[in-house]
């Protein structure tokens, strides 16, 4: 009984870890895209403000 519970907990932790890595990767990609957009785009387009 105890072994089954431990295995289930480990599986949940692994799943959350993988999901966390995916989330972090997506955040990093979004962050770099935003930085590129803000710094490498011509600032003339932002005169709309």
PDB file of N, CA and C in Angstrom:
ATOM      1  N   UNK A   1       0.839  -1.195   0.000  1.00  0.00           N
ATOM      2  CA  UNK A   1       0.000   0.000   0.000  1.00  0.00           C
ATOM      3  C   UNK A   1       0.890   1.267   0.000  1.00  0.00           C
ATOM      4  N   UNK A   2       1.845   1.307   0.903  1.00  0.00           N
ATOM      5  CA  UNK A   2       2.710   2.471   1.015  1.00  0.00           C
ATOM      6  C   UNK A   2       3.534   2.685  -0.263  1.00  0.00           C
ATOM      7  N   UNK A   3       4.026   1.585  -0.834  1.00  0.00           N
ATOM      8  CA  UNK A   3       4.835   1.701  -2.045  1.00  0.00           C
ATOM      9  C   UNK A   3       4.028   2.353  -3.171  1.00  0.00           C
ATOM     10  N   UNK A   4       2.761   1.951  -3.314  1.00  0.00           N
ATOM     11  CA  UNK A   4       1.918   2.505  -4.368  1.00  0.00           C
ATOM     12  C   UNK A   4       1.752   4.008  -4.197  1.00  0.00           C
ATOM     13  N   UNK A   5       1.567   4.438  -2.963  1.00  0.00           N
ATOM     14  CA  UNK A   5       1.392   5.873  -2.706  1.00  0.00           C
ATOM     15  C   UNK A   5       2.675   6.634  -3.065  1.00  0.00           C
ATOM     16  N   UNK A   6       3.809   6.079  -2.701  1.00  0.00           N
ATOM     17  CA  UNK A   6       5.082   6.726  -2.989  1.00  0.00           C
ATOM     18  C   UNK A   6       5.287   6.858  -4.504  1.00  0.00           C
ATOM     19  N   UNK A   7       4.978   5.785  -5.240  1.00  0.00           N
ATOM     20  CA  UNK A   7       5.135   5.802  -6.692  1.00  0.00           C
ATOM     21  C   UNK A   7       4.238   6.876  -7.306  1.00  0.00           C
ATOM     22  N   UNK A   8       3.001   6.955  -6.819  1.00  0.00           N
ATOM     23  CA  UNK A   8       2.053   7.934  -7.355  1.00  0.00           C
ATOM     24  C   UNK A   8       2.573   9.350  -7.103  1.00  0.00           C
ATOM     25  N   UNK A   9       3.094   9.601  -5.917  1.00  0.00           N
ATOM     26  CA  UNK A   9       3.636  10.919  -5.579  1.00  0.00           C
ATOM     27  C   UNK A   9       4.803  11.256  -6.504  1.00  0.00           C
ATOM     28  N   UNK A  10       5.671  10.309  -6.722  1.00  0.00           N
ATOM     29  CA  UNK A  10       6.820  10.535  -7.590  1.00  0.00           C
ATOM     30  C   UNK A  10       6.362  10.878  -9.000  1.00  0.00           C
ATOM     31  N   UNK A  11       5.350  10.161  -9.483  1.00  0.00           N
ATOM     32  CA  UNK A  11       4.834  10.426 -10.822  1.00  0.00           C
ATOM     33  C   UNK A  11       4.272  11.828 -10.919  1.00  0.00           C
ATOM     34  N   UNK A  12       3.565  12.257  -9.894  1.00  0.00           N
ATOM     35  CA  UNK A  12       2.992  13.601  -9.901  1.00  0.00           C
ATOM     36  C   UNK A  12       4.091  14.653  -9.905  1.00  0.00           C
ATOM     37  N   UNK A  13       5.133  14.424  -9.127  1.00  0.00           N
ATOM     38  CA  UNK A  13       6.244  15.378  -9.063  1.00  0.00           C
ATOM     39  C   UNK A  13       6.940  15.461 -10.426  1.00  0.00           C
ATOM     40  N   UNK A  14       7.139  14.319 -11.063  1.00  0.00           N
ATOM     41  CA  UNK A  14       7.766  14.305 -12.383  1.00  0.00           C
ATOM     42  C   UNK A  14       6.924  15.075 -13.392  1.00  0.00           C
ATOM     43  N   UNK A  15       5.604  14.809 -13.349  1.00  0.00           N
ATOM     44  CA  UNK A  15       4.702  15.491 -14.280  1.00  0.00           C
ATOM     45  C   UNK A  15       4.763  16.997 -14.092  1.00  0.00           C
ATOM     46  N   UNK A  16       4.749  17.434 -12.842  1.00  0.00           N
ATOM     47  CA  UNK A  16       4.799  18.864 -12.567  1.00  0.00           C
ATOM     48  C   UNK A  16       6.149  19.438 -12.995  1.00  0.00           C
ATOM     49  N   UNK A  17       7.200  18.670 -12.812  1.00  0.00           N
ATOM     50  CA  UNK A  17       8.529  19.137 -13.207  1.00  0.00           C
ATOM     51  C   UNK A  17       8.614  19.341 -14.707  1.00  0.00           C
ATOM     52  N   UNK A  18       8.092  18.374 -15.462  1.00  0.00           N
ATOM     53  CA  UNK A  18       8.111  18.486 -16.921  1.00  0.00           C
ATOM     54  C   UNK A  18       7.267  19.672 -17.361  1.00  0.00           C
ATOM     55  N   UNK A  19       6.092  19.822 -16.759  1.00  0.00           N
ATOM     56  CA  UNK A  19       5.207  20.940 -17.101  1.00  0.00           C
ATOM     57  C   UNK A  19       5.897  22.260 -16.758  1.00  0.00           C
ATOM     58  N   UNK A  20       6.577  22.287 -15.621  1.00  0.00           N
ATOM     59  CA  UNK A  20       7.292  23.499 -15.205  1.00  0.00           C
ATOM     60  C   UNK A  20       8.386  23.856 -16.200  1.00  0.00           C
ATOM     61  N   UNK A  21       9.131  22.849 -16.663  1.00  0.00           N
ATOM     62  CA  UNK A  21      10.191  23.107 -17.643  1.00  0.00           C
ATOM     63  C   UNK A  21       9.607  23.675 -18.930  1.00  0.00           C
ATOM     64  N   UNK A  22       8.487  23.100 -19.381  1.00  0.00           N
ATOM     65  CA  UNK A  22       7.830  23.593 -20.595  1.00  0.00           C
ATOM     66  C   UNK A  22       7.394  25.041 -20.391  1.00  0.00           C
ATOM     67  N   UNK A  23       6.811  25.325 -19.245  1.00  0.00           N
ATOM     68  CA  UNK A  23       6.335  26.675 -18.947  1.00  0.00           C
ATOM     69  C   UNK A  23       7.499  27.665 -18.931  1.00  0.00           C
ATOM     70  N   UNK A  24       8.612  27.273 -18.303  1.00  0.00           N
ATOM     71  CA  UNK A  24       9.790  28.139 -18.239  1.00  0.00           C
ATOM     72  C   UNK A  24      10.344  28.386 -19.641  1.00  0.00           C
ATOM     73  N   UNK A  25      10.400  27.334 -20.460  1.00  0.00           N
ATOM     74  CA  UNK A  25      10.906  27.482 -21.823  1.00  0.00           C
ATOM     75  C   UNK A  25      10.022  28.454 -22.613  1.00  0.00           C
ATOM     76  N   UNK A  26       8.706  28.308 -22.467  1.00  0.00           N
ATOM     77  CA  UNK A  26       7.781  29.194 -23.176  1.00  0.00           C
ATOM     78  C   UNK A  26       7.952  30.634 -22.693  1.00  0.00           C
ATOM     79  N   UNK A  27       8.124  30.816 -21.390  1.00  0.00           N
ATOM     80  CA  UNK A  27       8.302  32.171 -20.843  1.00  0.00           C
ATOM     81  C   UNK A  27       9.586  32.802 -21.369  1.00  0.00           C
ATOM     82  N   UNK A  28      10.654  32.002 -21.443  1.00  0.00           N
ATOM     83  CA  UNK A  28      11.934  32.522 -21.948  1.00  0.00           C
ATOM     84  C   UNK A  28      11.803  32.913 -23.418  1.00  0.00           C
ATOM     85  N   UNK A  29      11.140  32.055 -24.211  1.00  0.00           N
ATOM     86  CA  UNK A  29      10.939  32.364 -25.629  1.00  0.00           C
ATOM     87  C   UNK A  29      10.114  33.631 -25.788  1.00  0.00           C
ATOM     88  N   UNK A  30       9.028  33.747 -25.021  1.00  0.00           N
ATOM     89  CA  UNK A  30       8.174  34.932 -25.100  1.00  0.00           C
ATOM     90  C   UNK A  30       8.962  36.173 -24.676  1.00  0.00           C
ATOM     91  N   UNK A  31       9.781  36.038 -23.633  1.00  0.00           N
ATOM     92  CA  UNK A  31      10.573  37.167 -23.150  1.00  0.00           C
ATOM     93  C   UNK A  31      11.583  37.637 -24.192  1.00  0.00           C
ATOM     94  N   UNK A  32      12.287  36.710 -24.807  1.00  0.00           N
ATOM     95  CA  UNK A  32      13.273  37.094 -25.819  1.00  0.00           C
ATOM     96  C   UNK A  32      12.578  37.711 -27.031  1.00  0.00           C
ATOM     97  N   UNK A  33      11.418  37.161 -27.414  1.00  0.00           N
ATOM     98  CA  UNK A  33      10.673  37.706 -28.554  1.00  0.00           C
ATOM     99  C   UNK A  33      10.241  39.141 -28.243  1.00  0.00           C
ATOM    100  N   UNK A  34       9.773  39.362 -27.025  1.00  0.00           N
ATOM    101  CA  UNK A  34       9.329  40.702 -26.625  1.00  0.00           C
ATOM    102  C   UNK A  34      10.503  41.682 -26.630  1.00  0.00           C
ATOM    103  N   UNK A  35      11.637  41.255 -26.093  1.00  0.00           N
ATOM    104  CA  UNK A  35      12.829  42.115 -26.063  1.00  0.00           C
ATOM    105  C   UNK A  35      13.265  42.456 -27.485  1.00  0.00           C
ATOM    106  N   UNK A  36      13.298  41.453 -28.362  1.00  0.00           N
ATOM    107  CA  UNK A  36      13.681  41.688 -29.751  1.00  0.00           C
ATOM    108  C   UNK A  36      12.714  42.677 -30.391  1.00  0.00           C
ATOM    109  N   UNK A  37      11.412  42.460 -30.161  1.00  0.00           N
ATOM    110  CA  UNK A  37      10.388  43.329 -30.742  1.00  0.00           C
ATOM    111  C   UNK A  37      10.555  44.766 -30.263  1.00  0.00           C
ATOM    112  N   UNK A  38      10.790  44.923 -28.959  1.00  0.00           N
ATOM    113  CA  UNK A  38      10.896  46.272 -28.392  1.00  0.00           C
ATOM    114  C   UNK A  38      12.179  46.979 -28.812  1.00  0.00           C
ATOM    115  N   UNK A  39      13.297  46.256 -28.816  1.00  0.00           N
ATOM    116  CA  UNK A  39      14.580  46.911 -29.053  1.00  0.00           C
ATOM    117  C   UNK A  39      15.032  46.939 -30.505  1.00  0.00           C
ATOM    118  N   UNK A  40      14.604  45.961 -31.307  1.00  0.00           N
ATOM    119  CA  UNK A  40      15.088  45.896 -32.681  1.00  0.00           C
ATOM    120  C   UNK A  40      14.070  46.384 -33.703  1.00  0.00           C
ATOM    121  N   UNK A  41      12.857  46.712 -33.252  1.00  0.00           N
ATOM    122  CA  UNK A  41      11.854  47.291 -34.156  1.00  0.00           C
ATOM    123  C   UNK A  41      12.112  48.792 -34.262  1.00  0.00           C
ATOM    124  N   UNK A  42      11.827  49.358 -35.422  1.00  0.00           N
ATOM    125  CA  UNK A  42      11.962  50.825 -35.538  1.00  0.00           C
ATOM    126  C   UNK A  42      11.004  51.499 -34.567  1.00  0.00           C
ATOM    127  N   UNK A  43      11.493  52.482 -33.822  1.00  0.00           N
ATOM    128  CA  UNK A  43      10.660  53.128 -32.814  1.00  0.00           C
ATOM    129  C   UNK A  43       9.615  54.049 -33.439  1.00  0.00           C
ATOM    130  N   UNK A  44       9.733  54.318 -34.730  1.00  0.00           N
ATOM    131  CA  UNK A  44       8.770  55.188 -35.412  1.00  0.00           C
ATOM    132  C   UNK A  44       7.358  54.626 -35.298  1.00  0.00           C
ATOM    133  N   UNK A  45       7.227  53.285 -35.309  1.00  0.00           N
ATOM    134  CA  UNK A  45       5.912  52.650 -35.271  1.00  0.00           C
ATOM    135  C   UNK A  45       5.195  52.947 -33.943  1.00  0.00           C
ATOM    136  N   UNK A  46       5.943  53.271 -32.891  1.00  0.00           N
ATOM    137  CA  UNK A  46       5.337  53.494 -31.586  1.00  0.00           C
ATOM    138  C   UNK A  46       4.911  54.955 -31.395  1.00  0.00           C
ATOM    139  N   UNK A  47       4.984  55.779 -32.445  1.00  0.00           N
ATOM    140  CA  UNK A  47       4.566  57.159 -32.364  1.00  0.00           C
ATOM    141  C   UNK A  47       3.048  57.286 -32.264  1.00  0.00           C
ATOM    142  N   UNK A  48       2.358  56.173 -32.451  1.00  0.00           N
ATOM    143  CA  UNK A  48       0.888  56.111 -32.374  1.00  0.00           C
ATOM    144  C   UNK A  48       0.379  56.454 -30.971  1.00  0.00           C
ATOM    145  N   UNK A  49       1.174  56.146 -29.992  1.00  0.00           N
ATOM    146  CA  UNK A  49       0.789  56.273 -28.569  1.00  0.00           C
ATOM    147  C   UNK A  49       0.108  57.602 -28.270  1.00  0.00           C
TER     148      UNK A  49
END
